[in-house]
Amino acid sequence: MTTMDPAAVRAGWQHGTAAKDEIDQARTHTDAAAGASTGPFAPTLAFAAAQVDGALATASAVLAELDRNVESCIADFQATDGASAGTFDTLGAGR
């Protein structure tokens, strides 16, 4: 029988939480990069900064959704006395 240790899962998932925090922190710098006074390169840097910000926003959203899925599975596991770990929803399904 396979079982899950919720505390161990949460401890392992701290790496995902830390990554999301770092990504969110990185997003605070994209406006400054876009607004840098670089003369003729300003439009290109603004475009690049917007692309980077979009990629970071997507990564942050994926990690947030994974966090919700991990917690949902743990809650199902605990509510059923370990009989079920619930389902791990597909990322972005129906959204």
PDB file of N, CA and C in Angstrom:
ATOM      1  N   MET A   1       0.849  -1.180   0.000  1.00  0.00           N
ATOM      2  CA  MET A   1       0.000   0.000   0.000  1.00  0.00           C
ATOM      3  C   MET A   1       0.895   1.245   0.000  1.00  0.00           C
ATOM      4  N   THR A   2       0.576   2.141  -0.892  1.00  0.00           N
ATOM      5  CA  THR A   2       1.315   3.398  -0.960  1.00  0.00           C
ATOM      6  C   THR A   2       0.655   4.404  -0.040  1.00  0.00           C
ATOM      7  N   THR A   3       1.467   5.106   0.701  1.00  0.00           N
ATOM      8  CA  THR A   3       0.927   6.118   1.595  1.00  0.00           C
ATOM      9  C   THR A   3       1.684   7.421   1.382  1.00  0.00           C
ATOM     10  N   MET A   4       1.161   8.466   1.945  1.00  0.00           N
ATOM     11  CA  MET A   4       1.769   9.773   1.785  1.00  0.00           C
ATOM     12  C   MET A   4       1.967  10.398   3.158  1.00  0.00           C
ATOM     13  N   ASP A   5       3.090  11.057   3.312  1.00  0.00           N
ATOM     14  CA  ASP A   5       3.373  11.793   4.534  1.00  0.00           C
ATOM     15  C   ASP A   5       3.176  13.283   4.197  1.00  0.00           C
ATOM     16  N   PRO A   6       2.027  13.865   4.591  1.00  0.00           N
ATOM     17  CA  PRO A   6       1.746  15.254   4.241  1.00  0.00           C
ATOM     18  C   PRO A   6       2.852  16.231   4.635  1.00  0.00           C
ATOM     19  N   ALA A   7       3.458  16.019   5.793  1.00  0.00           N
ATOM     20  CA  ALA A   7       4.537  16.920   6.225  1.00  0.00           C
ATOM     21  C   ALA A   7       5.733  16.826   5.283  1.00  0.00           C
ATOM     22  N   ALA A   8       6.053  15.620   4.832  1.00  0.00           N
ATOM     23  CA  ALA A   8       7.173  15.436   3.917  1.00  0.00           C
ATOM     24  C   ALA A   8       6.873  16.051   2.551  1.00  0.00           C
ATOM     25  N   VAL A   9       5.634  15.907   2.099  1.00  0.00           N
ATOM     26  CA  VAL A   9       5.245  16.505   0.815  1.00  0.00           C
ATOM     27  C   VAL A   9       5.361  18.028   0.905  1.00  0.00           C
ATOM     28  N   ARG A  10       4.839  18.595   1.978  1.00  0.00           N
ATOM     29  CA  ARG A  10       4.930  20.051   2.150  1.00  0.00           C
ATOM     30  C   ARG A  10       6.385  20.510   2.256  1.00  0.00           C
ATOM     31  N   ALA A  11       7.201  19.745   2.953  1.00  0.00           N
ATOM     32  CA  ALA A  11       8.615  20.102   3.083  1.00  0.00           C
ATOM     33  C   ALA A  11       9.295  20.082   1.718  1.00  0.00           C
ATOM     34  N   GLY A  12       9.001  19.084   0.931  1.00  0.00           N
ATOM     35  CA  GLY A  12       9.570  19.014  -0.415  1.00  0.00           C
ATOM     36  C   GLY A  12       9.057  20.123  -1.310  1.00  0.00           C
ATOM     37  N   TRP A  13       7.795  20.454  -1.155  1.00  0.00           N
ATOM     38  CA  TRP A  13       7.189  21.483  -2.000  1.00  0.00           C
ATOM     39  C   TRP A  13       7.709  22.881  -1.653  1.00  0.00           C
ATOM     40  N   GLN A  14       8.397  23.035  -0.545  1.00  0.00           N
ATOM     41  CA  GLN A  14       8.977  24.336  -0.206  1.00  0.00           C
ATOM     42  C   GLN A  14       9.918  24.831  -1.309  1.00  0.00           C
ATOM     43  N   HIS A  15      10.498  23.908  -2.064  1.00  0.00           N
ATOM     44  CA  HIS A  15      11.348  24.307  -3.186  1.00  0.00           C
ATOM     45  C   HIS A  15      10.504  24.993  -4.262  1.00  0.00           C
ATOM     46  N   GLY A  16       9.312  24.490  -4.491  1.00  0.00           N
ATOM     47  CA  GLY A  16       8.405  25.132  -5.446  1.00  0.00           C
ATOM     48  C   GLY A  16       7.962  26.495  -4.959  1.00  0.00           C
ATOM     49  N   THR A  17       7.672  26.594  -3.675  1.00  0.00           N
ATOM     50  CA  THR A  17       7.261  27.872  -3.089  1.00  0.00           C
ATOM     51  C   THR A  17       8.398  28.883  -3.183  1.00  0.00           C
ATOM     52  N   ALA A  18       9.613  28.442  -2.903  1.00  0.00           N
ATOM     53  CA  ALA A  18      10.769  29.340  -2.977  1.00  0.00           C
ATOM     54  C   ALA A  18      10.995  29.802  -4.415  1.00  0.00           C
ATOM     55  N   ALA A  19      10.819  28.904  -5.364  1.00  0.00           N
ATOM     56  CA  ALA A  19      10.995  29.274  -6.769  1.00  0.00           C
ATOM     57  C   ALA A  19       9.970  30.321  -7.178  1.00  0.00           C
ATOM     58  N   LYS A  20       8.725  30.149  -6.746  1.00  0.00           N
ATOM     59  CA  LYS A  20       7.689  31.138  -7.077  1.00  0.00           C
ATOM     60  C   LYS A  20       8.034  32.494  -6.470  1.00  0.00           C
ATOM     61  N   ASP A  21       8.516  32.496  -5.244  1.00  0.00           N
ATOM     62  CA  ASP A  21       8.905  33.751  -4.599  1.00  0.00           C
ATOM     63  C   ASP A  21      10.021  34.446  -5.386  1.00  0.00           C
ATOM     64  N   GLU A  22      10.996  33.669  -5.855  1.00  0.00           N
ATOM     65  CA  GLU A  22      12.088  34.254  -6.629  1.00  0.00           C
ATOM     66  C   GLU A  22      11.600  34.793  -7.972  1.00  0.00           C
ATOM     67  N   ILE A  23      10.702  34.069  -8.597  1.00  0.00           N
ATOM     68  CA  ILE A  23      10.135  34.523  -9.870  1.00  0.00           C
ATOM     69  C   ILE A  23       9.358  35.815  -9.663  1.00  0.00           C
ATOM     70  N   ASP A  24       8.545  35.858  -8.617  1.00  0.00           N
ATOM     71  CA  ASP A  24       7.770  37.068  -8.342  1.00  0.00           C
ATOM     72  C   ASP A  24       8.691  38.254  -8.046  1.00  0.00           C
ATOM     73  N   GLN A  25       9.793  37.991  -7.361  1.00  0.00           N
ATOM     74  CA  GLN A  25      10.771  39.050  -7.090  1.00  0.00           C
ATOM     75  C   GLN A  25      11.410  39.529  -8.393  1.00  0.00           C
ATOM     76  N   ALA A  26      11.727  38.615  -9.279  1.00  0.00           N
ATOM     77  CA  ALA A  26      12.322  38.984 -10.564  1.00  0.00           C
ATOM     78  C   ALA A  26      11.383  39.881 -11.369  1.00  0.00           C
ATOM     79  N   ARG A  27      10.085  39.623 -11.264  1.00  0.00           N
ATOM     80  CA  ARG A  27       9.106  40.443 -12.000  1.00  0.00           C
ATOM     81  C   ARG A  27       9.132  41.895 -11.561  1.00  0.00           C
ATOM     82  N   THR A  28       9.597  42.173 -10.349  1.00  0.00           N
ATOM     83  CA  THR A  28       9.630  43.559  -9.887  1.00  0.00           C
ATOM     84  C   THR A  28      10.707  44.359 -10.614  1.00  0.00           C
ATOM     85  N   HIS A  29      11.585  43.699 -11.357  1.00  0.00           N
ATOM     86  CA  HIS A  29      12.669  44.384 -12.052  1.00  0.00           C
ATOM     87  C   HIS A  29      12.405  44.613 -13.534  1.00  0.00           C
ATOM     88  N   THR A  30      11.343  44.024 -14.066  1.00  0.00           N
ATOM     89  CA  THR A  30      11.132  44.148 -15.512  1.00  0.00           C
ATOM     90  C   THR A  30      10.732  45.561 -15.924  1.00  0.00           C
ATOM     91  N   ASP A  31       9.988  46.277 -15.089  1.00  0.00           N
ATOM     92  CA  ASP A  31       9.633  47.659 -15.426  1.00  0.00           C
ATOM     93  C   ASP A  31      10.872  48.535 -15.504  1.00  0.00           C
ATOM     94  N   ALA A  32      11.785  48.356 -14.575  1.00  0.00           N
ATOM     95  CA  ALA A  32      13.015  49.148 -14.589  1.00  0.00           C
ATOM     96  C   ALA A  32      13.832  48.848 -15.842  1.00  0.00           C
ATOM     97  N   ALA A  33      13.860  47.579 -16.240  1.00  0.00           N
ATOM     98  CA  ALA A  33      14.599  47.222 -17.452  1.00  0.00           C
ATOM     99  C   ALA A  33      13.951  47.848 -18.678  1.00  0.00           C
ATOM    100  N   ALA A  34      12.640  47.866 -18.705  1.00  0.00           N
ATOM    101  CA  ALA A  34      11.935  48.450 -19.846  1.00  0.00           C
ATOM    102  C   ALA A  34      12.085  49.960 -19.879  1.00  0.00           C
ATOM    103  N   GLY A  35      12.189  50.570 -18.717  1.00  0.00           N
ATOM    104  CA  GLY A  35      12.242  52.024 -18.649  1.00  0.00           C
ATOM    105  C   GLY A  35      13.646  52.594 -18.653  1.00  0.00           C
ATOM    106  N   ALA A  36      14.632  51.743 -18.855  1.00  0.00           N
ATOM    107  CA  ALA A  36      16.018  52.223 -18.847  1.00  0.00           C
ATOM    108  C   ALA A  36      16.233  53.215 -19.991  1.00  0.00           C
ATOM    109  N   SER A  37      16.979  54.249 -19.715  1.00  0.00           N
ATOM    110  CA  SER A  37      17.284  55.267 -20.716  1.00  0.00           C
ATOM    111  C   SER A  37      18.394  54.736 -21.618  1.00  0.00           C
ATOM    112  N   THR A  38      18.001  54.202 -22.741  1.00  0.00           N
ATOM    113  CA  THR A  38      18.972  53.577 -23.634  1.00  0.00           C
ATOM    114  C   THR A  38      18.885  54.119 -25.050  1.00  0.00           C
ATOM    115  N   GLY A  39      18.327  55.296 -25.178  1.00  0.00           N
ATOM    116  CA  GLY A  39      18.258  55.932 -26.496  1.00  0.00           C
ATOM    117  C   GLY A  39      17.503  55.099 -27.507  1.00  0.00           C
ATOM    118  N   PRO A  40      18.126  54.820 -28.638  1.00  0.00           N
ATOM    119  CA  PRO A  40      17.414  54.133 -29.720  1.00  0.00           C
ATOM    120  C   PRO A  40      17.069  52.677 -29.409  1.00  0.00           C
ATOM    121  N   PHE A  41      17.669  52.133 -28.374  1.00  0.00           N
ATOM    122  CA  PHE A  41      17.385  50.739 -28.017  1.00  0.00           C
ATOM    123  C   PHE A  41      16.186  50.604 -27.086  1.00  0.00           C
ATOM    124  N   ALA A  42      15.651  51.731 -26.620  1.00  0.00           N
ATOM    125  CA  ALA A  42      14.558  51.698 -25.645  1.00  0.00           C
ATOM    126  C   ALA A  42      13.358  50.871 -26.110  1.00  0.00           C
ATOM    127  N   PRO A  43      12.859  51.050 -27.334  1.00  0.00           N
ATOM    128  CA  PRO A  43      11.706  50.225 -27.743  1.00  0.00           C
ATOM    129  C   PRO A  43      12.010  48.726 -27.734  1.00  0.00           C
ATOM    130  N   THR A  44      13.204  48.363 -28.167  1.00  0.00           N
ATOM    131  CA  THR A  44      13.582  46.941 -28.193  1.00  0.00           C
ATOM    132  C   THR A  44      13.687  46.394 -26.778  1.00  0.00           C
ATOM    133  N   LEU A  45      14.284  47.163 -25.875  1.00  0.00           N
ATOM    134  CA  LEU A  45      14.399  46.704 -24.487  1.00  0.00           C
ATOM    135  C   LEU A  45      13.039  46.647 -23.809  1.00  0.00           C
ATOM    136  N   ALA A  46      12.171  47.580 -24.124  1.00  0.00           N
ATOM    137  CA  ALA A  46      10.819  47.548 -23.547  1.00  0.00           C
ATOM    138  C   ALA A  46      10.077  46.297 -24.017  1.00  0.00           C
ATOM    139  N   PHE A  47      10.209  45.967 -25.305  1.00  0.00           N
ATOM    140  CA  PHE A  47       9.578  44.756 -25.832  1.00  0.00           C
ATOM    141  C   PHE A  47      10.144  43.515 -25.143  1.00  0.00           C
ATOM    142  N   ALA A  48      11.467  43.453 -25.040  1.00  0.00           N
ATOM    143  CA  ALA A  48      12.111  42.300 -24.404  1.00  0.00           C
ATOM    144  C   ALA A  48      11.690  42.174 -22.943  1.00  0.00           C
ATOM    145  N   ALA A  49      11.633  43.290 -22.242  1.00  0.00           N
ATOM    146  CA  ALA A  49      11.222  43.262 -20.830  1.00  0.00           C
ATOM    147  C   ALA A  49       9.787  42.762 -20.693  1.00  0.00           C
ATOM    148  N   ALA A  50       8.929  43.174 -21.616  1.00  0.00           N
ATOM    149  CA  ALA A  50       7.533  42.703 -21.580  1.00  0.00           C
ATOM    150  C   ALA A  50       7.456  41.203 -21.831  1.00  0.00           C
ATOM    151  N   GLN A  51       8.291  40.693 -22.739  1.00  0.00           N
ATOM    152  CA  GLN A  51       8.311  39.259 -23.015  1.00  0.00           C
ATOM    153  C   GLN A  51       8.811  38.474 -21.801  1.00  0.00           C
ATOM    154  N   VAL A  52       9.859  38.972 -21.182  1.00  0.00           N
ATOM    155  CA  VAL A  52      10.388  38.320 -19.977  1.00  0.00           C
ATOM    156  C   VAL A  52       9.341  38.344 -18.867  1.00  0.00           C
ATOM    157  N   ASP A  53       8.673  39.489 -18.690  1.00  0.00           N
ATOM    158  CA  ASP A  53       7.651  39.587 -17.660  1.00  0.00           C
ATOM    159  C   ASP A  53       6.516  38.592 -17.922  1.00  0.00           C
ATOM    160  N   GLY A  54       6.138  38.451 -19.174  1.00  0.00           N
ATOM    161  CA  GLY A  54       5.096  37.484 -19.518  1.00  0.00           C
ATOM    162  C   GLY A  54       5.507  36.056 -19.200  1.00  0.00           C
ATOM    163  N   ALA A  55       6.745  35.719 -19.508  1.00  0.00           N
ATOM    164  CA  ALA A  55       7.243  34.372 -19.206  1.00  0.00           C
ATOM    165  C   ALA A  55       7.295  34.136 -17.698  1.00  0.00           C
ATOM    166  N   LEU A  56       7.747  35.149 -16.964  1.00  0.00           N
ATOM    167  CA  LEU A  56       7.795  35.026 -15.501  1.00  0.00           C
ATOM    168  C   LEU A  56       6.394  34.918 -14.906  1.00  0.00           C
ATOM    169  N   ALA A  57       5.454  35.682 -15.452  1.00  0.00           N
ATOM    170  CA  ALA A  57       4.066  35.614 -14.965  1.00  0.00           C
ATOM    171  C   ALA A  57       3.485  34.221 -15.195  1.00  0.00           C
ATOM    172  N   THR A  58       3.778  33.643 -16.349  1.00  0.00           N
ATOM    173  CA  THR A  58       3.294  32.294 -16.647  1.00  0.00           C
ATOM    174  C   THR A  58       3.903  31.276 -15.689  1.00  0.00           C
ATOM    175  N   ALA A  59       5.208  31.362 -15.482  1.00  0.00           N
ATOM    176  CA  ALA A  59       5.872  30.436 -14.552  1.00  0.00           C
ATOM    177  C   ALA A  59       5.300  30.572 -13.144  1.00  0.00           C
ATOM    178  N   SER A  60       5.053  31.801 -12.718  1.00  0.00           N
ATOM    179  CA  SER A  60       4.488  32.034 -11.393  1.00  0.00           C
ATOM    180  C   SER A  60       3.090  31.427 -11.279  1.00  0.00           C
ATOM    181  N   ALA A  61       2.287  31.588 -12.325  1.00  0.00           N
ATOM    182  CA  ALA A  61       0.930  31.033 -12.318  1.00  0.00           C
ATOM    183  C   ALA A  61       0.952  29.507 -12.284  1.00  0.00           C
ATOM    184  N   VAL A  62       1.873  28.898 -13.013  1.00  0.00           N
ATOM    185  CA  VAL A  62       1.999  27.431 -13.005  1.00  0.00           C
ATOM    186  C   VAL A  62       2.352  26.951 -11.602  1.00  0.00           C
ATOM    187  N   LEU A  63       3.315  27.608 -10.960  1.00  0.00           N
ATOM    188  CA  LEU A  63       3.699  27.204  -9.606  1.00  0.00           C
ATOM    189  C   LEU A  63       2.564  27.428  -8.612  1.00  0.00           C
ATOM    190  N   ALA A  64       1.805  28.500  -8.771  1.00  0.00           N
ATOM    191  CA  ALA A  64       0.663  28.743  -7.880  1.00  0.00           C
ATOM    192  C   ALA A  64      -0.389  27.649  -8.051  1.00  0.00           C
ATOM    193  N   GLU A  65      -0.616  27.241  -9.297  1.00  0.00           N
ATOM    194  CA  GLU A  65      -1.606  26.189  -9.534  1.00  0.00           C
ATOM    195  C   GLU A  65      -1.111  24.846  -8.995  1.00  0.00           C
ATOM    196  N   LEU A  66       0.159  24.569  -9.163  1.00  0.00           N
ATOM    197  CA  LEU A  66       0.711  23.342  -8.592  1.00  0.00           C
ATOM    198  C   LEU A  66       0.579  23.347  -7.075  1.00  0.00           C
ATOM    199  N   ASP A  67       0.798  24.498  -6.460  1.00  0.00           N
ATOM    200  CA  ASP A  67       0.651  24.613  -5.008  1.00  0.00           C
ATOM    201  C   ASP A  67      -0.778  24.280  -4.583  1.00  0.00           C
ATOM    202  N   ARG A  68      -1.753  24.828  -5.311  1.00  0.00           N
ATOM    203  CA  ARG A  68      -3.161  24.514  -4.990  1.00  0.00           C
ATOM    204  C   ARG A  68      -3.436  23.022  -5.152  1.00  0.00           C
ATOM    205  N   ASN A  69      -2.882  22.408  -6.199  1.00  0.00           N
ATOM    206  CA  ASN A  69      -3.092  20.976  -6.420  1.00  0.00           C
ATOM    207  C   ASN A  69      -2.459  20.143  -5.314  1.00  0.00           C
ATOM    208  N   VAL A  70      -1.253  20.497  -4.906  1.00  0.00           N
ATOM    209  CA  VAL A  70      -0.584  19.761  -3.827  1.00  0.00           C
ATOM    210  C   VAL A  70      -1.425  19.843  -2.559  1.00  0.00           C
ATOM    211  N   GLU A  71      -1.859  21.034  -2.207  1.00  0.00           N
ATOM    212  CA  GLU A  71      -2.662  21.196  -0.982  1.00  0.00           C
ATOM    213  C   GLU A  71      -4.006  20.480  -1.093  1.00  0.00           C
ATOM    214  N   SER A  72      -4.609  20.500  -2.271  1.00  0.00           N
ATOM    215  CA  SER A  72      -5.878  19.801  -2.460  1.00  0.00           C
ATOM    216  C   SER A  72      -5.707  18.294  -2.288  1.00  0.00           C
ATOM    217  N   CYS A  73      -4.639  17.750  -2.845  1.00  0.00           N
ATOM    218  CA  CYS A  73      -4.379  16.314  -2.693  1.00  0.00           C
ATOM    219  C   CYS A  73      -4.131  15.946  -1.227  1.00  0.00           C
ATOM    220  N   ILE A  74      -3.384  16.787  -0.529  1.00  0.00           N
ATOM    221  CA  ILE A  74      -3.131  16.523   0.886  1.00  0.00           C
ATOM    222  C   ILE A  74      -4.438  16.594   1.680  1.00  0.00           C
ATOM    223  N   ALA A  75      -5.265  17.581   1.392  1.00  0.00           N
ATOM    224  CA  ALA A  75      -6.549  17.713   2.095  1.00  0.00           C
ATOM    225  C   ALA A  75      -7.435  16.495   1.849  1.00  0.00           C
ATOM    226  N   ASP A  76      -7.492  16.010   0.592  1.00  0.00           N
ATOM    227  CA  ASP A  76      -8.279  14.805   0.287  1.00  0.00           C
ATOM    228  C   ASP A  76      -7.721  13.601   1.035  1.00  0.00           C
ATOM    229  N   PHE A  77      -6.408  13.469   1.051  1.00  0.00           N
ATOM    230  CA  PHE A  77      -5.757  12.363   1.749  1.00  0.00           C
ATOM    231  C   PHE A  77      -6.113  12.372   3.231  1.00  0.00           C
ATOM    232  N   GLN A  78      -6.042  13.547   3.844  1.00  0.00           N
ATOM    233  CA  GLN A  78      -6.330  13.643   5.273  1.00  0.00           C
ATOM    234  C   GLN A  78      -7.818  13.459   5.566  1.00  0.00           C
ATOM    235  N   ALA A  79      -8.676  13.938   4.695  1.00  0.00           N
ATOM    236  CA  ALA A  79     -10.126  13.812   4.907  1.00  0.00           C
ATOM    237  C   ALA A  79     -10.607  12.373   4.768  1.00  0.00           C
ATOM    238  N   THR A  80      -9.861  11.565   4.027  1.00  0.00           N
ATOM    239  CA  THR A  80     -10.269  10.172   3.818  1.00  0.00           C
ATOM    240  C   THR A  80      -9.406   9.203   4.621  1.00  0.00           C
ATOM    241  N   ASP A  81      -8.711   9.703   5.612  1.00  0.00           N
ATOM    242  CA  ASP A  81      -7.818   8.863   6.432  1.00  0.00           C
ATOM    243  C   ASP A  81      -6.833   8.075   5.583  1.00  0.00           C
ATOM    244  N   GLY A  82      -6.351   8.707   4.542  1.00  0.00           N
ATOM    245  CA  GLY A  82      -5.342   8.076   3.710  1.00  0.00           C
ATOM    246  C   GLY A  82      -5.868   7.147   2.641  1.00  0.00           C
ATOM    247  N   ALA A  83      -7.178   7.095   2.475  1.00  0.00           N
ATOM    248  CA  ALA A  83      -7.751   6.200   1.469  1.00  0.00           C
ATOM    249  C   ALA A  83      -7.625   6.778   0.065  1.00  0.00           C
ATOM    250  N   SER A  84      -7.471   8.084  -0.035  1.00  0.00           N
ATOM    251  CA  SER A  84      -7.389   8.721  -1.344  1.00  0.00           C
ATOM    252  C   SER A  84      -6.489   9.941  -1.257  1.00  0.00           C
ATOM    253  N   ALA A  85      -5.715  10.144  -2.294  1.00  0.00           N
ATOM    254  CA  ALA A  85      -4.903  11.358  -2.369  1.00  0.00           C
ATOM    255  C   ALA A  85      -5.558  12.359  -3.303  1.00  0.00           C
ATOM    256  N   GLY A  86      -6.810  12.098  -3.686  1.00  0.00           N
ATOM    257  CA  GLY A  86      -7.517  13.020  -4.558  1.00  0.00           C
ATOM    258  C   GLY A  86      -6.969  12.962  -5.968  1.00  0.00           C
ATOM    259  N   THR A  87      -7.262  14.001  -6.706  1.00  0.00           N
ATOM    260  CA  THR A  87      -6.774  14.078  -8.078  1.00  0.00           C
ATOM    261  C   THR A  87      -5.896  15.302  -8.227  1.00  0.00           C
ATOM    262  N   PHE A  88      -4.973  15.190  -9.127  1.00  0.00           N
ATOM    263  CA  PHE A  88      -4.067  16.289  -9.416  1.00  0.00           C
ATOM    264  C   PHE A  88      -4.559  16.896 -10.716  1.00  0.00           C
ATOM    265  N   ASP A  89      -5.262  18.019 -10.600  1.00  0.00           N
ATOM    266  CA  ASP A  89      -5.889  18.635 -11.772  1.00  0.00           C
ATOM    267  C   ASP A  89      -4.864  18.993 -12.835  1.00  0.00           C
ATOM    268  N   THR A  90      -5.314  18.882 -14.080  1.00  0.00           N
ATOM    269  CA  THR A  90      -4.481  19.295 -15.200  1.00  0.00           C
ATOM    270  C   THR A  90      -4.292  20.796 -15.133  1.00  0.00           C
ATOM    271  N   LEU A  91      -3.095  21.259 -15.382  1.00  0.00           N
ATOM    272  CA  LEU A  91      -2.829  22.694 -15.330  1.00  0.00           C
ATOM    273  C   LEU A  91      -3.707  23.434 -16.332  1.00  0.00           C
ATOM    274  N   GLY A  92      -4.404  24.440 -15.834  1.00  0.00           N
ATOM    275  CA  GLY A  92      -5.204  25.304 -16.688  1.00  0.00           C
ATOM    276  C   GLY A  92      -6.424  24.653 -17.290  1.00  0.00           C
ATOM    277  N   ALA A  93      -6.792  23.480 -16.869  1.00  0.00           N
ATOM    278  CA  ALA A  93      -7.938  22.791 -17.451  1.00  0.00           C
ATOM    279  C   ALA A  93      -9.218  23.614 -17.263  1.00  0.00           C
ATOM    280  N   GLY A  94      -9.852  23.921 -18.363  1.00  0.00           N
ATOM    281  CA  GLY A  94     -11.130  24.615 -18.307  1.00  0.00           C
ATOM    282  C   GLY A  94     -11.025  26.058 -17.846  1.00  0.00           C
ATOM    283  N   ARG A  95      -9.840  26.618 -17.866  1.00  0.00           N
ATOM    284  CA  ARG A  95      -9.680  28.005 -17.421  1.00  0.00           C
ATOM    285  C   ARG A  95      -9.238  28.869 -18.561  1.00  0.00           C
TER     286      ARG A  95
END
